[in-house]
C-alpha atoms as a PDB file:
ATOM      1  CA  MET A   1       5.009  -3.574  57.409  1.00  0.00           C
ATOM      2  CA  LEU A   2       3.518  -0.740  55.352  1.00  0.00           C
ATOM      3  CA  GLU A   3       0.033  -1.148  56.886  1.00  0.00           C
ATOM      4  CA  THR A   4       1.135  -0.963  60.558  1.00  0.00           C
ATOM      5  CA  ARG A   5       3.724   1.748  60.072  1.00  0.00           C
ATOM      6  CA  PHE A   6       1.170   4.343  58.979  1.00  0.00           C
ATOM      7  CA  TRP A   7      -2.290   3.061  59.801  1.00  0.00           C
ATOM      8  CA  ASP A   8      -2.020   0.922  62.927  1.00  0.00           C
ATOM      9  CA  GLY A   9      -5.476   0.137  64.248  1.00  0.00           C
ATOM     10  CA  ASN A  10      -7.461   1.120  61.152  1.00  0.00           C
ATOM     11  CA  ARG A  11      -8.596  -2.175  59.677  1.00  0.00           C
ATOM     12  CA  ASN A  12     -10.429  -0.771  56.641  1.00  0.00           C
ATOM     13  CA  VAL A  13      -7.490   1.328  55.530  1.00  0.00           C
ATOM     14  CA  ARG A  14      -5.107  -1.576  56.150  1.00  0.00           C
ATOM     15  CA  ILE A  15      -7.183  -3.778  53.859  1.00  0.00           C
ATOM     16  CA  THR A  16      -7.337  -1.049  51.207  1.00  0.00           C
ATOM     17  CA  LEU A  17      -3.564  -0.627  51.282  1.00  0.00           C
ATOM     18  CA  LYS A  18      -3.101  -4.360  50.986  1.00  0.00           C
ATOM     19  CA  LEU A  19      -5.290  -4.343  47.873  1.00  0.00           C
ATOM     20  CA  LEU A  20      -3.382  -1.359  46.426  1.00  0.00           C
ATOM     21  CA  LEU A  21      -0.059  -3.020  47.140  1.00  0.00           C
ATOM     22  CA  GLY A  22      -1.276  -6.231  45.555  1.00  0.00           C
ATOM     23  CA  THR A  23      -2.445  -4.317  42.479  1.00  0.00           C
ATOM     24  CA  LEU A  24       0.934  -2.534  42.251  1.00  0.00           C
ATOM     25  CA  LEU A  25       2.725  -5.879  42.391  1.00  0.00           C
ATOM     26  CA  VAL A  26       0.499  -7.258  39.616  1.00  0.00           C
ATOM     27  CA  ILE A  27       1.137  -4.163  37.439  1.00  0.00           C
ATOM     28  CA  THR A  28       4.884  -4.341  38.118  1.00  0.00           C
ATOM     29  CA  GLY A  29       4.900  -8.027  37.251  1.00  0.00           C
ATOM     30  CA  ALA A  30       2.937  -7.395  34.048  1.00  0.00           C
ATOM     31  CA  PHE A  31       5.369  -4.631  33.057  1.00  0.00           C
ATOM     32  CA  ALA A  32       8.321  -6.940  33.727  1.00  0.00           C
ATOM     33  CA  ASN A  33       6.690  -9.635  31.592  1.00  0.00           C
ATOM     34  CA  ASP A  34       6.005  -7.101  28.808  1.00  0.00           C
ATOM     35  CA  LEU A  35       9.603  -5.906  28.919  1.00  0.00           C
ATOM     36  CA  GLN A  36      10.967  -9.444  28.892  1.00  0.00           C
ATOM     37  CA  GLY A  37       8.702 -10.302  25.975  1.00  0.00           C
ATOM     38  CA  GLU A  38       9.909  -7.213  24.121  1.00  0.00           C
ATOM     39  CA  ARG A  39      13.534  -8.116  24.839  1.00  0.00           C
ATOM     40  CA  ASP A  40      13.024 -11.642  23.537  1.00  0.00           C
ATOM     41  CA  ASN A  41      11.305 -10.277  20.424  1.00  0.00           C
ATOM     42  CA  ILE A  42      14.014  -7.708  19.708  1.00  0.00           C
ATOM     43  CA  GLU A  43      16.918 -10.089  20.364  1.00  0.00           C
ATOM     44  CA  HIS A  44      15.409 -12.506  17.834  1.00  0.00           C
ATOM     45  CA  TRP A  45      14.912  -9.650  15.350  1.00  0.00           C
ATOM     46  CA  ARG A  46      18.510  -8.494  15.827  1.00  0.00           C
ATOM     47  CA  THR A  47      19.834 -11.999  15.139  1.00  0.00           C
ATOM     48  CA  GLU A  48      17.892 -12.140  11.891  1.00  0.00           C
ATOM     49  CA  ARG A  49      19.009  -8.628  10.990  1.00  0.00           C
ATOM     50  CA  VAL A  50      22.710  -9.475  11.362  1.00  0.00           C
ATOM     51  CA  ALA A  51      22.275 -12.734   9.431  1.00  0.00           C
ATOM     52  CA  GLU A  52      20.668 -10.840   6.546  1.00  0.00           C
ATOM     53  CA  LEU A  53      23.309  -8.109   6.634  1.00  0.00           C
ATOM     54  CA  THR A  54      26.262 -10.509   6.581  1.00  0.00           C
ATOM     55  CA  ASN A  55      25.086 -13.141   4.113  1.00  0.00           C
ATOM     56  CA  GLU A  56      26.370 -13.336   0.541  1.00  0.00           C
ATOM     57  CA  THR A  57      23.722 -10.937  -0.749  1.00  0.00           C
ATOM     58  CA  GLY A  58      23.923  -8.605   2.268  1.00  0.00           C
ATOM     59  CA  TRP A  59      24.941  -4.958   2.113  1.00  0.00           C
ATOM     60  CA  LEU A  60      28.427  -5.636   3.505  1.00  0.00           C
ATOM     61  CA  SER A  61      29.405  -7.461   0.311  1.00  0.00           C
ATOM     62  CA  LEU A  62      28.956  -4.460  -2.019  1.00  0.00           C
ATOM     63  CA  VAL A  63      32.202  -3.187  -3.578  1.00  0.00           C
ATOM     64  CA  GLY A  64      31.120  -1.269  -6.666  1.00  0.00           C
ATOM     65  CA  LEU A  65      28.366   0.637  -8.455  1.00  0.00           C
ATOM     66  CA  PHE A  66      28.779   1.946 -12.009  1.00  0.00           C
ATOM     67  CA  TRP A  67      26.129   3.841 -14.000  1.00  0.00           C
ATOM     68  CA  LEU A  68      25.943   2.881 -17.647  1.00  0.00           C
ATOM     69  CA  SER A  69      26.071   5.261 -20.588  1.00  0.00           C
ATOM     70  CA  PRO A  70      24.301   4.431 -23.872  1.00  0.00           C
ATOM     71  CA  GLY A  71      26.439   2.232 -26.090  1.00  0.00           C
ATOM     72  CA  GLU A  72      29.570   0.336 -25.079  1.00  0.00           C
ATOM     73  CA  ASN A  73      30.980   0.404 -21.522  1.00  0.00           C
ATOM     74  CA  THR A  74      34.154  -1.647 -21.115  1.00  0.00           C
ATOM     75  CA  PHE A  75      34.634  -3.175 -17.682  1.00  0.00           C
ATOM     76  CA  GLY A  76      37.740  -4.453 -15.918  1.00  0.00           C
ATOM     77  CA  ARG A  77      40.655  -3.785 -13.610  1.00  0.00           C
ATOM     78  CA  ALA A  78      42.763  -1.716 -16.032  1.00  0.00           C
ATOM     79  CA  ARG A  79      42.361   2.065 -15.984  1.00  0.00           C
ATOM     80  CA  SER A  80      41.834   2.043 -19.740  1.00  0.00           C
ATOM     81  CA  ASN A  81      38.304   0.711 -19.209  1.00  0.00           C
ATOM     82  CA  THR A  82      35.170   2.853 -19.056  1.00  0.00           C
ATOM     83  CA  LEU A  83      34.193   1.151 -15.776  1.00  0.00           C
ATOM     84  CA  VAL A  84      37.174   0.376 -13.527  1.00  0.00           C
ATOM     85  CA  LEU A  85      37.083  -1.961 -10.531  1.00  0.00           C
ATOM     86  CA  ASP A  86      40.515  -2.475  -8.990  1.00  0.00           C
ATOM     87  CA  ASN A  87      40.022  -5.996  -7.689  1.00  0.00           C
ATOM     88  CA  PRO A  88      42.456  -8.919  -8.069  1.00  0.00           C
ATOM     89  CA  ASN A  89      39.558 -11.243  -8.956  1.00  0.00           C
ATOM     90  CA  LEU A  90      38.771  -9.296 -12.103  1.00  0.00           C
ATOM     91  CA  ALA A  91      40.608  -9.458 -15.462  1.00  0.00           C
ATOM     92  CA  ASP A  92      42.281  -6.325 -16.803  1.00  0.00           C
ATOM     93  CA  THR A  93      39.404  -6.191 -19.295  1.00  0.00           C
ATOM     94  CA  ALA A  94      36.577  -8.543 -18.342  1.00  0.00           C
ATOM     95  CA  GLY A  95      34.227  -7.540 -21.131  1.00  0.00           C
ATOM     96  CA  THR A  96      31.785  -4.899 -22.319  1.00  0.00           C
ATOM     97  CA  PHE A  97      28.325  -3.831 -21.164  1.00  0.00           C
ATOM     98  CA  ILE A  98      26.205  -2.547 -24.050  1.00  0.00           C
ATOM     99  CA  LEU A  99      23.238  -0.348 -23.168  1.00  0.00           C
ATOM    100  CA  THR A 100      20.616   0.009 -25.877  1.00  0.00           C
ATOM    101  CA  GLY A 101      17.458   1.735 -24.684  1.00  0.00           C
ATOM    102  CA  ASP A 102      16.458  -0.192 -21.564  1.00  0.00           C
ATOM    103  CA  LYS A 103      18.291  -3.355 -22.625  1.00  0.00           C
ATOM    104  CA  VAL A 104      21.745  -4.394 -21.335  1.00  0.00           C
ATOM    105  CA  THR A 105      23.929  -7.133 -22.791  1.00  0.00           C
ATOM    106  CA  PHE A 106      27.365  -8.208 -21.627  1.00  0.00           C
ATOM    107  CA  THR A 107      30.029  -9.613 -23.926  1.00  0.00           C
ATOM    108  CA  ALA A 108      32.921 -11.250 -22.086  1.00  0.00           C
ATOM    109  CA  LYS A 109      36.480 -11.047 -23.313  1.00  0.00           C
ATOM    110  CA  PRO A 110      37.744 -14.559 -24.123  1.00  0.00           C
ATOM    111  CA  GLY A 111      39.736 -15.996 -21.232  1.00  0.00           C
ATOM    112  CA  SER A 112      38.460 -13.394 -18.740  1.00  0.00           C
ATOM    113  CA  GLY A 113      36.939 -16.028 -16.449  1.00  0.00           C
ATOM    114  CA  ILE A 114      33.393 -14.584 -16.510  1.00  0.00           C
ATOM    115  CA  THR A 115      30.727 -17.208 -15.848  1.00  0.00           C
ATOM    116  CA  HIS A 116      26.972 -17.539 -15.450  1.00  0.00           C
ATOM    117  CA  GLY A 117      25.525 -20.533 -13.647  1.00  0.00           C
ATOM    118  CA  GLY A 118      28.999 -22.065 -13.557  1.00  0.00           C
ATOM    119  CA  GLN A 119      29.414 -21.889 -17.339  1.00  0.00           C
ATOM    120  CA  PRO A 120      31.702 -19.520 -19.309  1.00  0.00           C
ATOM    121  CA  VAL A 121      29.969 -16.470 -20.752  1.00  0.00           C
ATOM    122  CA  SER A 122      30.346 -15.217 -24.305  1.00  0.00           C
ATOM    123  CA  THR A 123      27.385 -12.838 -24.674  1.00  0.00           C
ATOM    124  CA  ILE A 124      24.430 -12.658 -22.319  1.00  0.00           C
ATOM    125  CA  GLU A 125      21.424 -10.365 -21.872  1.00  0.00           C
ATOM    126  CA  LEU A 126      21.215  -9.059 -18.299  1.00  0.00           C
ATOM    127  CA  VAL A 127      17.794  -8.664 -16.715  1.00  0.00           C
ATOM    128  CA  SER A 128      17.789  -5.853 -14.126  1.00  0.00           C
ATOM    129  CA  ASP A 129      16.595  -5.965 -10.523  1.00  0.00           C
ATOM    130  CA  ALA A 130      13.411  -4.217 -11.665  1.00  0.00           C
ATOM    131  CA  LYS A 131      12.369  -7.793 -12.383  1.00  0.00           C
ATOM    132  CA  GLU A 132      12.008 -10.378  -9.632  1.00  0.00           C
ATOM    133  CA  SER A 133      15.410 -12.003 -10.201  1.00  0.00           C
ATOM    134  CA  PRO A 134      18.248 -10.071 -11.891  1.00  0.00           C
ATOM    135  CA  THR A 135      20.772 -11.946 -14.019  1.00  0.00           C
ATOM    136  CA  VAL A 136      23.972 -12.475 -12.005  1.00  0.00           C
ATOM    137  CA  VAL A 137      27.362 -13.161 -13.606  1.00  0.00           C
ATOM    138  CA  SER A 138      30.555 -14.056 -11.750  1.00  0.00           C
ATOM    139  CA  SER A 139      34.296 -13.591 -11.731  1.00  0.00           C
ATOM    140  CA  GLY A 140      35.686 -15.713  -8.890  1.00  0.00           C
ATOM    141  CA  PRO A 141      34.029 -14.382  -5.702  1.00  0.00           C
ATOM    142  CA  LEU A 142      32.736 -11.298  -7.559  1.00  0.00           C
ATOM    143  CA  ARG A 143      29.080 -11.086  -8.544  1.00  0.00           C
ATOM    144  CA  PHE A 144      27.749  -8.353 -10.794  1.00  0.00           C
ATOM    145  CA  PHE A 145      24.260  -7.541 -12.020  1.00  0.00           C
ATOM    146  CA  ILE A 146      22.126  -4.666 -13.304  1.00  0.00           C
ATOM    147  CA  ILE A 147      20.080  -2.346 -11.085  1.00  0.00           C
ATOM    148  CA  GLU A 148      17.497   0.204 -12.177  1.00  0.00           C
ATOM    149  CA  ARG A 149      16.917   3.387 -10.168  1.00  0.00           C
ATOM    150  CA  ALA A 150      14.637   6.198 -11.312  1.00  0.00           C
ATOM    151  CA  GLY A 151      15.070   5.099 -14.928  1.00  0.00           C
ATOM    152  CA  LYS A 152      18.879   4.834 -14.753  1.00  0.00           C
ATOM    153  CA  LEU A 153      20.678   1.514 -15.241  1.00  0.00           C
ATOM    154  CA  GLY A 154      23.883   0.595 -13.433  1.00  0.00           C
ATOM    155  CA  VAL A 155      26.189  -2.317 -12.636  1.00  0.00           C
ATOM    156  CA  ARG A 156      26.291  -3.325  -8.987  1.00  0.00           C
ATOM    157  CA  VAL A 157      29.172  -5.532  -7.821  1.00  0.00           C
ATOM    158  CA  ARG A 158      29.396  -7.800  -4.795  1.00  0.00           C
ATOM    159  CA  ASP A 159      32.507  -9.475  -3.430  1.00  0.00           C
ATOM    160  CA  LEU A 160      31.734 -12.553  -1.339  1.00  0.00           C
ATOM    161  CA  ALA A 161      35.229 -12.203   0.166  1.00  0.00           C
ATOM    162  CA  SER A 162      34.852  -8.499   0.970  1.00  0.00           C
ATOM    163  CA  PRO A 163      36.901  -7.492   4.054  1.00  0.00           C
ATOM    164  CA  ARG A 164      33.963  -5.355   5.173  1.00  0.00           C
ATOM    165  CA  ARG A 165      31.944  -8.561   5.393  1.00  0.00           C
ATOM    166  CA  SER A 166      34.625 -10.833   6.871  1.00  0.00           C
ATOM    167  CA  ASN A 167      35.720  -8.223   9.439  1.00  0.00           C
ATOM    168  CA  PHE A 168      32.206  -7.346  10.613  1.00  0.00           C
ATOM    169  CA  LYS A 169      32.202  -6.831  14.389  1.00  0.00           C
ATOM    170  CA  GLY A 170      28.495  -6.327  14.958  1.00  0.00           C
ATOM    171  CA  LEU A 171      26.038  -3.482  15.486  1.00  0.00           C
ATOM    172  CA  GLN A 172      25.505  -1.101  18.390  1.00  0.00           C
ATOM    173  CA  TYR A 173      22.094  -0.343  19.864  1.00  0.00           C
ATOM    174  CA  PHE A 174      20.230   1.777  22.359  1.00  0.00           C
ATOM    175  CA  PRO A 175      18.865  -0.227  25.332  1.00  0.00           C
ATOM    176  CA  ILE A 176      15.666  -2.119  24.584  1.00  0.00           C
ATOM    177  CA  ALA A 177      12.745  -0.236  26.118  1.00  0.00           C
ATOM    178  CA  ALA A 178       9.031  -1.080  26.145  1.00  0.00           C
ATOM    179  CA  ASP A 179       8.074   2.613  26.126  1.00  0.00           C
ATOM    180  CA  TRP A 180       9.333   2.908  22.544  1.00  0.00           C
ATOM    181  CA  VAL A 181       6.588   0.527  21.391  1.00  0.00           C
ATOM    182  CA  PHE A 182       3.413   2.341  20.358  1.00  0.00           C
ATOM    183  CA  ASP A 183      -0.122   1.197  19.659  1.00  0.00           C
ATOM    184  CA  ALA A 184      -0.488   3.625  16.771  1.00  0.00           C
ATOM    185  CA  ARG A 185      -3.566   4.848  14.975  1.00  0.00           C
ATOM    186  CA  PHE A 186      -3.456   4.330  11.221  1.00  0.00           C
ATOM    187  CA  GLU A 187      -5.016   7.119   9.166  1.00  0.00           C
ATOM    188  CA  PRO A 188      -5.509   5.882   5.591  1.00  0.00           C
ATOM    189  CA  TYR A 189      -5.213   8.165   2.599  1.00  0.00           C
ATOM    190  CA  GLU A 190      -8.192   7.669   0.325  1.00  0.00           C
ATOM    191  CA  PRO A 191      -7.212   7.584  -2.409  1.00  0.00           C
ATOM    192  CA  GLN A 192      -3.633   6.579  -1.717  1.00  0.00           C
ATOM    193  CA  ARG A 193      -1.115   9.370  -2.152  1.00  0.00           C
ATOM    194  CA  HIS A 194       2.064   9.407  -4.179  1.00  0.00           C
ATOM    195  CA  ILE A 195       5.058  10.835  -2.312  1.00  0.00           C
ATOM    196  CA  LYS A 196       8.187  12.044  -4.090  1.00  0.00           C
ATOM    197  CA  ILE A 197      11.194  10.367  -2.490  1.00  0.00           C
ATOM    198  CA  VAL A 198      14.740  11.519  -3.229  1.00  0.00           C
ATOM    199  CA  ASN A 199      17.578   9.027  -2.793  1.00  0.00           C
ATOM    200  CA  ILE A 200      21.097   9.717  -1.588  1.00  0.00           C
ATOM    201  CA  LEU A 201      22.266  10.204  -5.202  1.00  0.00           C
ATOM    202  CA  GLY A 202      19.686  12.921  -5.807  1.00  0.00           C
ATOM    203  CA  LEU A 203      17.490  10.709  -7.993  1.00  0.00           C
ATOM    204  CA  GLU A 204      13.755  11.101  -7.448  1.00  0.00           C
ATOM    205  CA  GLU A 205      10.931   8.583  -7.661  1.00  0.00           C
ATOM    206  CA  ASP A 206       7.300   8.330  -6.619  1.00  0.00           C
ATOM    207  CA  MET A 207       6.303   5.941  -3.859  1.00  0.00           C
ATOM    208  CA  VAL A 208       2.756   4.999  -2.888  1.00  0.00           C
ATOM    209  CA  SER A 209       1.674   6.141   0.589  1.00  0.00           C
ATOM    210  CA  PRO A 210      -1.386   4.272   1.905  1.00  0.00           C
ATOM    211  CA  GLY A 211      -1.590   6.444   5.024  1.00  0.00           C
ATOM    212  CA  ALA A 212       0.094   7.725   8.185  1.00  0.00           C
ATOM    213  CA  VAL A 213       0.743   6.252  11.625  1.00  0.00           C
ATOM    214  CA  VAL A 214      -0.112   8.524  14.559  1.00  0.00           C
ATOM    215  CA  PHE A 215       0.936   8.073  18.192  1.00  0.00           C
ATOM    216  CA  THR A 216       1.736  10.137  21.282  1.00  0.00           C
ATOM    217  CA  ARG A 217       5.095  10.383  23.039  1.00  0.00           C
ATOM    218  CA  LYS A 218       5.156  12.256  26.362  1.00  0.00           C
ATOM    219  CA  GLY A 219       2.123  14.297  25.412  1.00  0.00           C
ATOM    220  CA  GLN A 220       3.409  15.119  21.928  1.00  0.00           C
ATOM    221  CA  GLU A 221       1.512  13.752  18.933  1.00  0.00           C
ATOM    222  CA  VAL A 222       3.751  12.276  16.245  1.00  0.00           C
ATOM    223  CA  ARG A 223       2.636  11.601  12.684  1.00  0.00           C
ATOM    224  CA  LEU A 224       4.708   9.674  10.144  1.00  0.00           C
ATOM    225  CA  ASP A 225       3.818   8.952   6.523  1.00  0.00           C
ATOM    226  CA  THR A 226       4.211   5.323   5.478  1.00  0.00           C
ATOM    227  CA  VAL A 227       4.995   4.003   2.001  1.00  0.00           C
ATOM    228  CA  LEU A 228       4.779   0.688   0.215  1.00  0.00           C
ATOM    229  CA  ASP A 229       8.180  -0.769  -0.661  1.00  0.00           C
ATOM    230  CA  GLY A 230       7.055  -2.171  -4.011  1.00  0.00           C
ATOM    231  CA  SER A 231       3.774  -3.543  -5.364  1.00  0.00           C
ATOM    232  CA  ASP A 232       4.301  -6.771  -3.401  1.00  0.00           C
ATOM    233  CA  ALA A 233       4.892  -5.033  -0.033  1.00  0.00           C
ATOM    234  CA  THR A 234       3.949  -7.111   3.016  1.00  0.00           C
ATOM    235  CA  ASP A 235       4.031  -4.274   5.557  1.00  0.00           C
ATOM    236  CA  LEU A 236       4.242  -0.509   6.003  1.00  0.00           C
ATOM    237  CA  PHE A 237       7.654   1.066   5.392  1.00  0.00           C
ATOM    238  CA  ILE A 238       8.663   4.178   7.357  1.00  0.00           C
ATOM    239  CA  MET A 239      11.682   6.392   6.637  1.00  0.00           C
ATOM    240  CA  PHE A 240      12.414   8.905   9.374  1.00  0.00           C
ATOM    241  CA  SER A 241      15.056  11.121  10.909  1.00  0.00           C
ATOM    242  CA  ASP A 242      15.072  12.575  14.421  1.00  0.00           C
ATOM    243  CA  ALA A 243      17.128  14.631  16.844  1.00  0.00           C
ATOM    244  CA  THR A 244      19.721  11.826  17.156  1.00  0.00           C
ATOM    245  CA  SER A 245      20.409  11.763  13.383  1.00  0.00           C
ATOM    246  CA  GLY A 246      23.989  12.767  12.644  1.00  0.00           C
ATOM    247  CA  HIS A 247      24.974  12.280  16.278  1.00  0.00           C
ATOM    248  CA  ALA A 248      24.132   8.977  17.931  1.00  0.00           C
ATOM    249  CA  THR A 249      22.487   7.629  14.771  1.00  0.00           C
ATOM    250  CA  TYR A 250      23.124   7.698  11.022  1.00  0.00           C
ATOM    251  CA  GLY A 251      22.882  11.205   9.617  1.00  0.00           C
ATOM    252  CA  ALA A 252      20.531  10.420   6.728  1.00  0.00           C
ATOM    253  CA  GLY A 253      17.949   8.812   8.997  1.00  0.00           C
ATOM    254  CA  ARG A 254      16.765   5.294   9.712  1.00  0.00           C
ATOM    255  CA  PHE A 255      14.183   2.790   8.487  1.00  0.00           C
ATOM    256  CA  LEU A 256      11.349   1.008  10.265  1.00  0.00           C
ATOM    257  CA  HIS A 257       8.600  -1.455   9.329  1.00  0.00           C
ATOM    258  CA  ALA A 258       5.133  -1.756  10.840  1.00  0.00           C
ATOM    259  CA  PRO A 259       2.418  -4.365  10.185  1.00  0.00           C
ATOM    260  CA  PHE A 260      -0.518  -3.462   7.979  1.00  0.00           C
ATOM    261  CA  ALA A 261      -3.253  -1.958  10.122  1.00  0.00           C
ATOM    262  CA  THR A 262      -5.980  -4.069  11.705  1.00  0.00           C
ATOM    263  CA  ASN A 263      -9.135  -2.233  12.780  1.00  0.00           C
ATOM    264  CA  GLY A 264      -7.314   1.037  12.257  1.00  0.00           C
ATOM    265  CA  ARG A 265      -4.374   0.202  14.553  1.00  0.00           C
ATOM    266  CA  THR A 266      -0.793  -0.963  14.097  1.00  0.00           C
ATOM    267  CA  VAL A 267       2.335  -1.384  16.215  1.00  0.00           C
ATOM    268  CA  VAL A 268       5.243   1.026  15.752  1.00  0.00           C
ATOM    269  CA  ASP A 269       8.300  -0.395  17.533  1.00  0.00           C
ATOM    270  CA  PHE A 270      11.332   1.901  17.410  1.00  0.00           C
ATOM    271  CA  ASN A 271      13.474  -0.810  19.010  1.00  0.00           C
ATOM    272  CA  LYS A 272      13.460  -2.196  15.451  1.00  0.00           C
ATOM    273  CA  ALA A 273      14.646   1.044  13.832  1.00  0.00           C
ATOM    274  CA  TYR A 274      17.650   0.199  11.645  1.00  0.00           C
ATOM    275  CA  ASN A 275      20.341   1.828   9.534  1.00  0.00           C
ATOM    276  CA  PRO A 276      19.837   2.118   5.768  1.00  0.00           C
ATOM    277  CA  PRO A 277      22.306   0.311   3.480  1.00  0.00           C
ATOM    278  CA  CYS A 278      24.254   3.540   2.858  1.00  0.00           C
ATOM    279  CA  ALA A 279      25.428   3.451   6.475  1.00  0.00           C
ATOM    280  CA  PHE A 280      27.591   0.447   5.559  1.00  0.00           C
ATOM    281  CA  ASN A 281      29.147   1.423   2.208  1.00  0.00           C
ATOM    282  CA  ASN A 282      29.044   3.930  -0.638  1.00  0.00           C
ATOM    283  CA  PHE A 283      27.488   1.616  -3.231  1.00  0.00           C
ATOM    284  CA  ALA A 284      23.850   1.654  -2.153  1.00  0.00           C
ATOM    285  CA  THR A 285      21.108   4.007  -3.381  1.00  0.00           C
ATOM    286  CA  CYS A 286      19.177   4.696  -0.169  1.00  0.00           C
ATOM    287  CA  PRO A 287      15.959   6.705  -0.201  1.00  0.00           C
ATOM    288  CA  LEU A 288      15.886   9.656   2.196  1.00  0.00           C
ATOM    289  CA  PRO A 289      13.069  10.434   4.653  1.00  0.00           C
ATOM    290  CA  PRO A 290      10.459  12.828   3.260  1.00  0.00           C
ATOM    291  CA  TYR A 291      10.455  16.236   4.963  1.00  0.00           C
ATOM    292  CA  GLN A 292       7.263  15.448   6.912  1.00  0.00           C
ATOM    293  CA  ASN A 293       9.020  12.482   8.584  1.00  0.00           C
ATOM    294  CA  ARG A 294      11.907  14.564   9.945  1.00  0.00           C
ATOM    295  CA  MET A 295      11.185  14.787  13.664  1.00  0.00           C
ATOM    296  CA  LYS A 296      12.490  17.083  16.366  1.00  0.00           C
ATOM    297  CA  LEU A 297      11.819  14.251  18.817  1.00  0.00           C
ATOM    298  CA  GLU A 298      14.866  12.301  20.039  1.00  0.00           C
ATOM    299  CA  ILE A 299      14.358   8.601  19.258  1.00  0.00           C
ATOM    300  CA  THR A 300      16.770   6.823  21.621  1.00  0.00           C
ATOM    301  CA  ALA A 301      15.873   3.349  20.411  1.00  0.00           C
ATOM    302  CA  GLY A 302      17.081   0.928  17.742  1.00  0.00           C
ATOM    303  CA  GLU A 303      20.413   0.900  15.920  1.00  0.00           C
ATOM    304  CA  LYS A 304      23.082   3.495  16.567  1.00  0.00           C
ATOM    305  CA  THR A 305      25.593   4.796  14.025  1.00  0.00           C
ATOM    306  CA  TYR A 306      27.539   1.933  12.436  1.00  0.00           C
ATOM    307  CA  ALA A 307      31.195   1.997  13.432  1.00  0.00           C
ATOM    308  CA  GLU A 308      33.172  -0.287  11.124  1.00  0.00           C
ATOM    309  CA  GLY A 309      35.576  -2.485  13.062  1.00  0.00           C
ATOM    310  CA  HIS A 310      34.446  -1.172  16.472  1.00  0.00           C
END
């Protein structure tokens, strides 16, 4: 035994070593419990993440994005249209989007098979996703609706039968590790700041930053600005890149959410770092991390680069 090997005959030291060994076992057990709890938490989060990614409104279903010009924009499969989507579920000319100011209407070509709510469409005004629920029209398994980004209006198209969705083979991750979970200090900005965020298309918009999260990794202090993802945000949104970006992880960075701070603290869990929508197709409009959130630190946690069909 440890006590007799080194300290035979010294009762006080033997007792002390027993207490130290017992304490070490308790700490080891607590760490194992913490790690198991973190694994359970992350596995549940990953299941929800994949379910959201692969459902009908997930990012794997996107097959088109077309920016509208003022006036008439014909839409269909034929190359003679202003907006061309080569998809067998779309008529040669499905109809015309008309952009007037910030208002979009769609007039379907008779017999094109365009429907809304299961009923044939003649002419319909399309509310954009700047509102809570955009107007969605259909052509077989295709769904198209209007998005607004930095004042520009476009047509986004989903295909419920997209091969990218049906052939999805899953995501790849770094190992789950408890040391990538930080009890971070939240430093509020009073008043809240507005940060200019550029998206992958080069469009710029202001986002509200309520403050920064601050934590220490191996003696190095890390500070990341948070933003609110809309006026109805339920948590803190963090866009970041690190030394793995463009190598083991997506080149444009990754996303992360943290709870609103309580008593000046929040939890930053990089095991939940995930790829932005642009990692999965070319029809998303992902915001890019602000320069102050581009770290030299190597974050070996969360999702790795998406490899389609891996």
